[in-house]
Protein backbone atom coordinates (compact mmCIF):
# COMPACT_ATOMS: atom_id res chain seq x y z
CA UNK A 1 -18.54 -22.30 -69.88
CA UNK A 2 -22.32 -22.48 -69.67
CA UNK A 3 -24.07 -19.56 -67.94
CA UNK A 4 -26.17 -21.78 -65.68
CA UNK A 5 -23.13 -23.78 -64.71
CA UNK A 6 -21.19 -20.58 -63.94
CA UNK A 7 -24.04 -19.27 -61.77
CA UNK A 8 -24.24 -22.59 -59.95
CA UNK A 9 -20.48 -22.51 -59.38
CA UNK A 10 -20.65 -18.93 -58.04
CA UNK A 11 -23.53 -19.87 -55.77
CA UNK A 12 -21.68 -22.87 -54.37
CA UNK A 13 -18.56 -20.73 -53.88
CA UNK A 14 -20.61 -18.13 -51.99
CA UNK A 15 -22.21 -20.83 -49.83
CA UNK A 16 -18.77 -22.26 -49.07
CA UNK A 17 -17.38 -18.86 -48.02
CA UNK A 18 -20.40 -18.12 -45.84
CA UNK A 19 -20.05 -21.54 -44.21
CA UNK A 20 -16.36 -20.87 -43.53
CA UNK A 21 -17.16 -17.48 -41.98
CA UNK A 22 -19.86 -19.01 -39.77
CA UNK A 23 -17.50 -21.82 -38.78
CA UNK A 24 -14.77 -19.31 -37.83
CA UNK A 25 -17.23 -17.24 -35.77
CA UNK A 26 -18.43 -20.38 -33.99
CA UNK A 27 -14.82 -21.35 -33.28
CA UNK A 28 -14.12 -17.91 -31.81
CA UNK A 29 -17.25 -18.05 -29.65
CA UNK A 30 -16.35 -21.56 -28.52
CA UNK A 31 -12.81 -20.45 -27.60
CA UNK A 32 -14.18 -17.51 -25.59
CA UNK A 33 -16.63 -19.80 -23.85
CA UNK A 34 -13.93 -22.32 -22.98
CA UNK A 35 -11.68 -19.54 -21.66
CA UNK A 36 -14.51 -18.23 -19.48
CA UNK A 37 -15.27 -21.76 -18.28
CA UNK A 38 -11.62 -22.35 -17.36
CA UNK A 39 -11.49 -19.05 -15.48
CA UNK A 40 -14.61 -19.92 -13.50
CA UNK A 41 -13.28 -23.41 -12.76
CA UNK A 42 -10.02 -21.89 -11.46
CA UNK A 43 -12.01 -19.50 -9.29
CA UNK A 44 -14.10 -22.39 -7.93
CA UNK A 45 -10.91 -24.33 -7.13
CA UNK A 46 -9.39 -21.35 -5.32
CA UNK A 47 -12.60 -20.83 -3.34
CA UNK A 48 -12.64 -24.49 -2.36
CA UNK A 49 -9.01 -24.29 -1.23
CA UNK A 50 -9.74 -21.18 0.83
CA UNK A 51 -12.79 -22.93 2.33
CA UNK A 52 -10.65 -25.94 3.26
CA UNK A 53 -8.07 -23.65 4.88
CA UNK A 54 -10.79 -21.86 6.85
CA UNK A 55 -12.27 -25.17 8.00
CA UNK A 56 -8.87 -26.37 9.20
CA UNK A 57 -8.31 -23.06 10.99
CA UNK A 58 -11.75 -23.34 12.61
CA UNK A 59 -10.96 -26.88 13.76
CA UNK A 60 -7.67 -25.68 15.27
CA UNK A 61 -9.49 -22.90 17.12
CA UNK A 62 -12.08 -25.36 18.42
CA UNK A 63 -9.34 -27.69 19.64
CA UNK A 64 -7.55 -24.80 21.32
CA UNK A 65 -10.79 -23.68 22.97
CA UNK A 66 -11.44 -27.20 24.24
CA UNK A 67 -7.90 -27.46 25.57
CA UNK A 68 -8.16 -24.10 27.32
CA UNK A 69 -11.50 -25.04 28.87
CA UNK A 70 -10.20 -28.39 30.18
CA UNK A 71 -6.68 -27.34 31.23
CA UNK A 72 -7.42 -23.99 32.83
CA UNK A 73 -5.08 -22.30 35.29
CA UNK A 74 -6.84 -20.41 38.09
CA UNK A 75 -5.01 -17.79 40.11
CA UNK A 76 -6.41 -16.94 43.55
CA UNK A 77 -5.37 -13.54 44.90
CA UNK A 78 -6.14 -12.87 48.55
CA UNK A 79 -6.58 -9.38 50.01
CA UNK A 80 -4.28 -7.87 52.59
CA UNK A 81 -5.05 -8.93 56.11
CA UNK A 82 -6.64 -12.25 55.10
CA UNK A 83 -3.38 -14.21 55.02
CA UNK A 84 -2.72 -15.90 58.37
CA UNK A 85 0.28 -17.90 59.41
CA UNK A 86 -0.37 -20.54 62.06
CA UNK A 87 1.89 -19.80 64.99
CA UNK A 88 2.90 -22.67 67.24
CA UNK A 89 5.77 -20.92 69.00
CA UNK A 90 8.51 -22.41 66.84
CA UNK A 91 10.76 -20.80 64.23
CA UNK A 92 9.69 -23.46 61.74
CA UNK A 93 6.39 -21.57 61.34
CA UNK A 94 8.24 -18.78 59.49
CA UNK A 95 10.15 -20.91 56.97
CA UNK A 96 7.89 -19.75 54.08
CA UNK A 97 7.68 -16.12 55.28
CA UNK A 98 9.92 -13.05 55.12
CA UNK A 99 10.00 -11.02 58.31
CA UNK A 100 10.64 -7.28 57.90
CA UNK A 101 10.23 -4.33 60.21
CA UNK A 102 7.13 -2.12 60.06
CA UNK A 103 9.23 0.98 59.37
CA UNK A 104 10.57 -0.68 56.23
CA UNK A 105 7.00 -1.27 55.04
CA UNK A 106 6.09 2.36 55.76
CA UNK A 107 9.18 3.58 53.87
CA UNK A 108 8.27 1.38 50.90
CA UNK A 109 4.71 2.75 50.92
CA UNK A 110 6.03 6.33 50.95
CA UNK A 111 8.29 5.55 47.96
CA UNK A 112 5.36 3.95 46.13
CA UNK A 113 3.16 7.02 46.76
CA UNK A 114 5.88 9.38 45.55
CA UNK A 115 6.39 7.31 42.40
CA UNK A 116 2.62 7.26 41.81
CA UNK A 117 2.34 11.04 42.17
CA UNK A 118 5.26 11.52 39.76
CA UNK A 119 3.63 9.17 37.28
CA UNK A 120 0.32 11.04 37.53
CA UNK A 121 2.06 14.38 36.96
CA UNK A 122 3.91 12.97 33.95
CA UNK A 123 0.66 11.57 32.51
CA UNK A 124 -1.11 14.92 33.01
CA UNK A 125 1.76 16.80 31.35
CA UNK A 126 1.80 14.34 28.45
CA UNK A 127 -1.98 14.67 27.97
CA UNK A 128 -1.77 18.48 28.02
CA UNK A 129 1.14 18.42 25.58
CA UNK A 130 -0.79 16.07 23.30
CA UNK A 131 -3.83 18.36 23.37
CA UNK A 132 -1.65 21.33 22.51
CA UNK A 133 -0.10 19.44 19.59
CA UNK A 134 -3.56 18.45 18.30
CA UNK A 135 -4.74 22.07 18.56
CA UNK A 136 -1.65 23.31 16.71
CA UNK A 137 -2.15 20.68 13.99
CA UNK A 138 -5.79 21.71 13.65
CA UNK A 139 -4.84 25.39 13.33
CA UNK A 140 -2.15 24.50 10.79
CA UNK A 141 -4.61 22.50 8.67
CA UNK A 142 -7.18 25.31 8.88
CA UNK A 143 -4.59 27.86 7.73
CA UNK A 144 -3.50 25.58 4.87
CA UNK A 145 -7.11 25.25 3.70
CA UNK A 146 -7.57 29.00 4.00
CA UNK A 147 -4.42 29.60 1.94
CA UNK A 148 -5.65 27.18 -0.71
CA UNK A 149 -9.02 28.96 -0.87
CA UNK A 150 -7.26 32.31 -1.17
CA UNK A 151 -5.11 30.98 -4.02
CA UNK A 152 -8.20 29.70 -5.80
CA UNK A 153 -9.87 33.09 -5.40
CA UNK A 154 -6.76 34.82 -6.76
CA UNK A 155 -6.73 32.48 -9.77
CA UNK A 156 -10.41 33.15 -10.43
CA UNK A 157 -9.85 36.90 -10.17
CA UNK A 158 -6.85 36.70 -12.52
CA UNK A 159 -8.87 34.70 -15.06
CA UNK A 160 -11.81 37.12 -14.91
CA UNK A 161 -11.86 39.52 -17.87
CA UNK A 162 -13.15 43.06 -17.29
CA UNK A 163 -14.27 45.06 -20.30
CA UNK A 164 -13.69 48.75 -20.87
CA UNK A 165 -17.33 49.57 -20.10
CA UNK A 166 -17.16 47.80 -16.74
CA UNK A 167 -13.92 49.65 -15.90
CA UNK A 168 -15.57 52.99 -16.72
CA UNK A 169 -18.59 52.05 -14.61
CA UNK A 170 -16.33 51.15 -11.66
CA UNK A 171 -14.48 54.46 -12.00
CA UNK A 172 -17.76 56.40 -12.05
CA UNK A 173 -19.03 54.50 -9.04
CA UNK A 174 -15.81 55.20 -7.12
CA UNK A 175 -16.05 58.93 -7.94
CA UNK A 176 -19.70 59.00 -6.85
CA UNK A 177 -21.15 59.88 -10.26
CA UNK A 178 -24.95 59.45 -10.55
CA UNK A 179 -25.92 56.21 -12.29
CA UNK A 180 -27.26 56.59 -15.82
CA UNK A 181 -29.34 54.43 -18.15
CA UNK A 182 -26.22 52.87 -19.61
CA UNK A 183 -25.37 51.35 -16.27
CA UNK A 184 -28.89 49.97 -15.88
CA UNK A 185 -28.71 48.42 -19.34
CA UNK A 186 -25.33 46.94 -18.49
CA UNK A 187 -26.66 45.40 -15.28
CA UNK A 188 -29.69 44.05 -17.13
CA UNK A 189 -27.47 42.45 -19.74
CA UNK A 190 -25.29 40.89 -17.04
CA UNK A 191 -28.37 39.46 -15.32
CA UNK A 192 -29.63 38.02 -18.61
CA UNK A 193 -26.26 36.42 -19.26
CA UNK A 194 -26.18 34.90 -15.77
CA UNK A 195 -29.72 33.57 -16.22
CA UNK A 196 -28.82 31.98 -19.57
CA UNK A 197 -25.71 30.35 -18.11
CA UNK A 198 -27.66 29.00 -15.13
CA UNK A 199 -30.34 27.61 -17.45
CA UNK A 200 -27.69 25.88 -19.55
CA UNK A 201 -26.13 24.50 -16.37
CA UNK A 202 -29.48 23.09 -15.24
CA UNK A 203 -29.95 21.38 -18.61
CA UNK A 204 -26.50 19.80 -18.36
CA UNK A 205 -27.25 18.62 -14.81
CA UNK A 206 -30.54 17.14 -15.97
CA UNK A 207 -28.83 15.25 -18.80
CA UNK A 208 -26.19 13.98 -16.37
CA UNK A 209 -28.90 12.73 -13.99
CA UNK A 210 -30.66 10.94 -16.87
CA UNK A 211 -27.40 9.27 -17.87
CA UNK A 212 -26.78 8.22 -14.26
CA UNK A 213 -30.26 6.65 -14.13
CA UNK A 214 -29.50 4.79 -17.36
CA UNK A 215 -26.21 3.59 -15.90
CA UNK A 216 -28.01 2.28 -12.80
CA UNK A 217 -30.49 0.40 -15.01
CA UNK A 218 -27.68 -1.06 -17.12
CA UNK A 219 -25.81 -2.14 -14.00
CA UNK A 220 -28.90 -3.95 -12.74
CA UNK A 221 -29.25 -5.66 -16.12
CA UNK A 222 -25.56 -6.61 -15.98
CA UNK A 223 -26.07 -8.12 -12.52
CA UNK A 224 -28.96 -10.19 -13.88
CA UNK A 225 -26.81 -11.31 -16.81
CA UNK A 226 -23.94 -12.16 -14.45
CA UNK A 227 -26.29 -14.22 -12.32
CA UNK A 228 -27.59 -16.02 -15.40
CA UNK A 229 -24.01 -16.65 -16.54
CA UNK A 230 -23.11 -18.11 -13.14
CA UNK A 231 -26.17 -20.34 -13.22
CA UNK A 232 -25.25 -21.49 -16.72
CA UNK A 233 -21.69 -22.21 -15.58
CA UNK A 234 -22.99 -24.27 -12.67
CA UNK A 235 -25.25 -26.19 -15.05
CA UNK A 236 -22.34 -26.80 -17.42
CA UNK A 237 -20.18 -28.08 -14.53
CA UNK A 238 -22.90 -30.43 -13.34
CA UNK A 239 -23.44 -31.68 -16.87
CA UNK A 240 -19.72 -32.37 -17.25
CA UNK A 241 -19.78 -34.34 -14.00
CA UNK A 242 -22.87 -36.29 -15.02
CA UNK A 243 -22.29 -36.57 -18.71
CA UNK A 244 -24.29 -39.12 -20.65
CA UNK A 245 -24.69 -39.88 -24.31
CA UNK A 246 -28.41 -39.13 -24.15
CA UNK A 247 -27.75 -35.56 -22.86
CA UNK A 248 -25.72 -34.33 -25.86
CA UNK A 249 -28.59 -32.33 -27.30
CA UNK A 250 -29.31 -30.62 -23.97
CA UNK A 251 -25.62 -29.77 -23.56
CA UNK A 252 -25.51 -28.19 -27.00
CA UNK A 253 -28.53 -26.03 -26.16
CA UNK A 254 -26.97 -24.96 -22.84
CA UNK A 255 -23.68 -24.13 -24.58
CA UNK A 256 -25.50 -22.07 -27.20
CA UNK A 257 -27.42 -20.18 -24.49
CA UNK A 258 -24.22 -19.58 -22.54
CA UNK A 259 -22.42 -18.27 -25.62
CA UNK A 260 -25.37 -15.98 -26.36
CA UNK A 261 -25.27 -14.69 -22.77
CA UNK A 262 -21.53 -14.03 -23.04
CA UNK A 263 -21.98 -12.14 -26.32
CA UNK A 264 -24.85 -10.11 -24.83
CA UNK A 265 -22.80 -9.36 -21.73
CA UNK A 266 -19.88 -8.14 -23.84
CA UNK A 267 -22.25 -5.94 -25.81
CA UNK A 268 -23.72 -4.47 -22.61
CA UNK A 269 -20.23 -3.89 -21.19
CA UNK A 270 -19.23 -1.97 -24.32
CA UNK A 271 -22.45 0.05 -24.09
CA UNK A 272 -21.79 0.89 -20.42
CA UNK A 273 -18.22 1.92 -21.24
CA UNK A 274 -19.45 4.18 -24.03
CA UNK A 275 -22.02 5.76 -21.70
CA UNK A 276 -19.36 6.19 -19.02
CA UNK A 277 -17.14 8.00 -21.53
CA UNK A 278 -20.10 10.17 -22.49
CA UNK A 279 -20.71 10.99 -18.81
CA UNK A 280 -17.07 11.98 -18.38
CA UNK A 281 -17.33 14.20 -21.45
CA UNK A 282 -20.49 15.83 -20.10
CA UNK A 283 -18.77 16.33 -16.73
CA UNK A 284 -15.90 18.06 -18.51
CA UNK A 285 -18.36 20.25 -20.40
CA UNK A 286 -20.07 21.08 -17.10
CA UNK A 287 -16.78 22.15 -15.52
CA UNK A 288 -15.98 24.23 -18.60
CA UNK A 289 -19.38 25.90 -18.36
CA UNK A 290 -18.73 26.69 -14.69
CA UNK A 291 -15.31 28.14 -15.43
CA UNK A 292 -16.44 29.95 -18.57
CA UNK A 293 -15.98 33.73 -18.42
CA UNK A 294 -18.69 36.15 -19.41
CA UNK A 295 -18.62 37.46 -23.00
CA UNK A 296 -17.56 40.99 -23.83
CA UNK A 297 -20.34 43.39 -22.94
CA UNK A 298 -20.96 46.15 -25.50
CA UNK A 299 -22.09 49.58 -24.37
CA UNK A 300 -25.60 50.81 -25.26
CA UNK A 301 -26.07 53.12 -28.23
CA UNK A 302 -27.25 56.03 -26.04
CA UNK A 303 -24.03 55.94 -24.03
CA UNK A 304 -21.90 55.87 -27.21
CA UNK A 305 -23.79 58.87 -28.68
CA UNK A 306 -23.27 60.80 -25.42
CA UNK A 307 -19.54 60.14 -25.58
CA UNK A 308 -19.36 61.33 -29.21
CA UNK A 309 -21.18 64.53 -28.30
CA UNK A 310 -18.74 65.16 -25.46
């Protein structure tokens, strides 16, 4: 086969493969876009259904309010002593009345007062009992929290490693031995270690704050992208409702912009997830730095020479 013909054939084969790859990528993007469009259309339908239900419920409430305002029942309660029965000297005047003796009324009032006093005493006892229960619950919760704090302190003490030099220093301090230069060097080394750990902790906190600021910025950008996506979806819906042969080119441009927005949004979501994982990792490192024990402290050379001489 001729060399030029072979090169031309290879070139056409390469162009064909590239075209197939581009076509497949466009098909995938189009499928994603259609899936997103269907999801948004379903959400719009559900929102419209909920809006219709709320409107019907509002109409029912308005009808009920109107019915209550037009068909209202009014109860008139008159005070004692204001009810008068016209007396004409006949027994017919008392057909709608119940005649009882005054002593019966007084006895009923005494019973009512006794029942009221019993009810008040029961209410007072119940309130006092409730206050006692609340106080006991509060004390119980406080003791539980105190026990938890004590357990945490015990765990921290058990995890703390004490070197031989620190044990010797504690023994000398308990016996009242005068402090020497070795103790001062040991304290200085401990202070330096604490300072270095605090500095490292501040750096980790600073990096965490920077990452949180970046996350806030990315979230704002995601909100803007979501808003743009919603606007594009609304435009696509309107264009489907008012579709015309002359608007095909505009629809293609809108679809391309929407697909680009979806791809960008997916890329930003992956970036935010990666940053969130990094923040979690840094948080774990921060907790490890907080729980990290101090390294083994070596004794100064002067103290070692003194021990050898002894």
